[in-house]
């Protein structure tokens, strides 16, 4: 009986040790390439993009600024999201659906779904386009990569992640974000799972011409391999 107890204790300790084991360090460039491949292979994921710092205006008159985007992406080019915008004195959420080149959003004042002309609005799906979006940027536009001590996120307590830092060129990000991110180089940090190489968080820090003005973008990803059918909104059901 005592022997069985000791054996069970050893097995339990071994399991705990394995589950909390520190990931084996590998070159940061290899981590990035494996993460890019994982992102390219997934059928979809949930995401959030939070902006803080200097306003990121969505209109030529600088009256509508972006605060947050959260939703689901289905490869290769479908997306549904809530876009939080700040109008002077008002914070409101705008619904957005993109199916390839077809896009719709809710009117920020009436809440009615409206079709959008292709190419004339912010389309968050472009950020995940394999040729010009996030995976392409990570594959070609990073430099000065460094592997920092392994880290945890508050969204994944107890999970030790690869933590990387470096610099990122801003031209592609500028194009895919309709001028909201970039075009100057910026600092980047990434948190990547060592077993799956899934990218769980990316933080971009931009410095404006005013040295005291800093803008931060935090991108979080989860629900990898998400299976979801995104449909066009029913305009007939508008209020």
Foldseek 3Di string as FASTA:
>chain_A
DVVVVVVVVVVVVVVVCVQLPAFDDDDPLVLLLLQLVLLVPWQKWWKKKAKDFDFQAFDPVRFKTWGMWTWMDGPPFWTWIWTWIDGVVDIFTKTWTDDPQWIWIADRVQRAIDTDHGPPGQRLSLLSHSPLHDSVQSNPFWDPKDWDGWDDDPVGPSATWTKIKTKGAQCSVCVNRVRRTDNHIWIKMWTAHSPNSHTAKMKTWDADPPNVTIMIMIMGIDPTNDDDDDDDDDNVPTD
